[in-house]
C-alpha atoms as a PDB file:
ATOM      1  CA  MET A   1      57.036 163.504 120.294  1.00  0.00           C
ATOM      2  CA  PHE A   2      60.608 163.074 119.108  1.00  0.00           C
ATOM      3  CA  GLY A   3      61.732 166.596 119.967  1.00  0.00           C
ATOM      4  CA  ARG A   4      63.913 165.545 122.883  1.00  0.00           C
ATOM      5  CA  ILE A   5      65.762 162.980 120.772  1.00  0.00           C
ATOM      6  CA  LEU A   6      66.235 165.387 117.868  1.00  0.00           C
ATOM      7  CA  ASN A   7      67.531 168.110 120.186  1.00  0.00           C
ATOM      8  CA  ARG A   8      70.063 165.673 121.638  1.00  0.00           C
ATOM      9  CA  MET A   9      71.202 164.665 118.153  1.00  0.00           C
ATOM     10  CA  ARG A  10      71.558 168.324 117.150  1.00  0.00           C
ATOM     11  CA  GLU A  11      73.650 169.078 120.217  1.00  0.00           C
ATOM     12  CA  LYS A  12      75.963 166.161 119.389  1.00  0.00           C
ATOM     13  CA  VAL A  13      76.392 167.435 115.822  1.00  0.00           C
ATOM     14  CA  ARG A  14      77.025 171.024 116.956  1.00  0.00           C
ATOM     15  CA  THR A  15      79.687 169.925 119.449  1.00  0.00           C
ATOM     16  CA  ARG A  16      81.141 167.240 117.139  1.00  0.00           C
ATOM     17  CA  GLN A  17      80.452 164.560 119.749  1.00  0.00           C
ATOM     18  CA  TYR A  18      79.490 161.730 117.448  1.00  0.00           C
ATOM     19  CA  ILE A  19      81.184 158.911 115.580  1.00  0.00           C
ATOM     20  CA  MET A  20      80.452 158.117 111.960  1.00  0.00           C
ATOM     21  CA  THR A  21      80.782 154.375 111.519  1.00  0.00           C
ATOM     22  CA  LEU A  22      82.317 152.689 108.501  1.00  0.00           C
ATOM     23  CA  HIS A  23      78.902 151.250 107.670  1.00  0.00           C
ATOM     24  CA  ALA A  24      77.336 154.726 107.766  1.00  0.00           C
ATOM     25  CA  GLU A  25      80.065 156.086 105.477  1.00  0.00           C
ATOM     26  CA  GLU A  26      79.465 153.247 103.009  1.00  0.00           C
ATOM     27  CA  GLU A  27      75.728 153.952 102.994  1.00  0.00           C
ATOM     28  CA  MET A  28      76.336 157.688 102.498  1.00  0.00           C
ATOM     29  CA  ASN A  29      78.646 156.956  99.580  1.00  0.00           C
ATOM     30  CA  ASN A  30      76.079 154.588  98.054  1.00  0.00           C
ATOM     31  CA  ASP A  31      73.489 157.373  98.222  1.00  0.00           C
ATOM     32  CA  GLY A  32      75.849 160.115  97.015  1.00  0.00           C
ATOM     33  CA  LEU A  33      75.759 161.969 100.324  1.00  0.00           C
ATOM     34  CA  SER A  34      78.500 163.635 102.343  1.00  0.00           C
ATOM     35  CA  ILE A  35      78.837 164.057 106.083  1.00  0.00           C
ATOM     36  CA  TYR A  36      77.846 167.700 105.549  1.00  0.00           C
ATOM     37  CA  ASP A  37      74.552 166.576 103.978  1.00  0.00           C
ATOM     38  CA  VAL A  38      73.797 164.367 106.978  1.00  0.00           C
ATOM     39  CA  GLU A  39      74.706 167.100 109.468  1.00  0.00           C
ATOM     40  CA  HIS A  40      72.544 169.627 107.591  1.00  0.00           C
ATOM     41  CA  VAL A  41      69.520 167.323 107.694  1.00  0.00           C
ATOM     42  CA  ILE A  42      69.941 166.703 111.423  1.00  0.00           C
ATOM     43  CA  LEU A  43      70.333 170.414 112.157  1.00  0.00           C
ATOM     44  CA  THR A  44      67.456 171.633 109.976  1.00  0.00           C
ATOM     45  CA  GLY A  45      65.092 168.686 109.479  1.00  0.00           C
ATOM     46  CA  LYS A  46      62.385 167.073 111.529  1.00  0.00           C
ATOM     47  CA  ILE A  47      61.383 163.538 112.450  1.00  0.00           C
ATOM     48  CA  VAL A  48      58.070 162.770 110.776  1.00  0.00           C
ATOM     49  CA  GLU A  49      57.563 159.123 111.694  1.00  0.00           C
ATOM     50  CA  ARG A  50      59.088 156.100 113.347  1.00  0.00           C
ATOM     51  CA  GLN A  51      59.790 153.188 111.038  1.00  0.00           C
ATOM     52  CA  LYS A  52      60.206 149.535 111.930  1.00  0.00           C
ATOM     53  CA  ASP A  53      61.420 146.638 109.861  1.00  0.00           C
ATOM     54  CA  PRO A  54      58.413 144.318 109.482  1.00  0.00           C
ATOM     55  CA  ILE A  55      60.585 141.210 109.883  1.00  0.00           C
ATOM     56  CA  THR A  56      63.010 142.153 112.661  1.00  0.00           C
ATOM     57  CA  ALA A  57      60.937 144.906 114.329  1.00  0.00           C
ATOM     58  CA  GLU A  58      64.099 147.012 114.532  1.00  0.00           C
END
């Protein structure tokens, strides 16, 4: 279901065509993660579900 999106994300990581925002860096630091951790998850992981905020529906 999300294969097309995940493949696009992987291609962007492989070709270094993405921007890590300041907010994303702050969240990574708060969770003790590095950019390499995030890249590894995108390249090797899978999307298991779609989540929405119950208040904002985002």
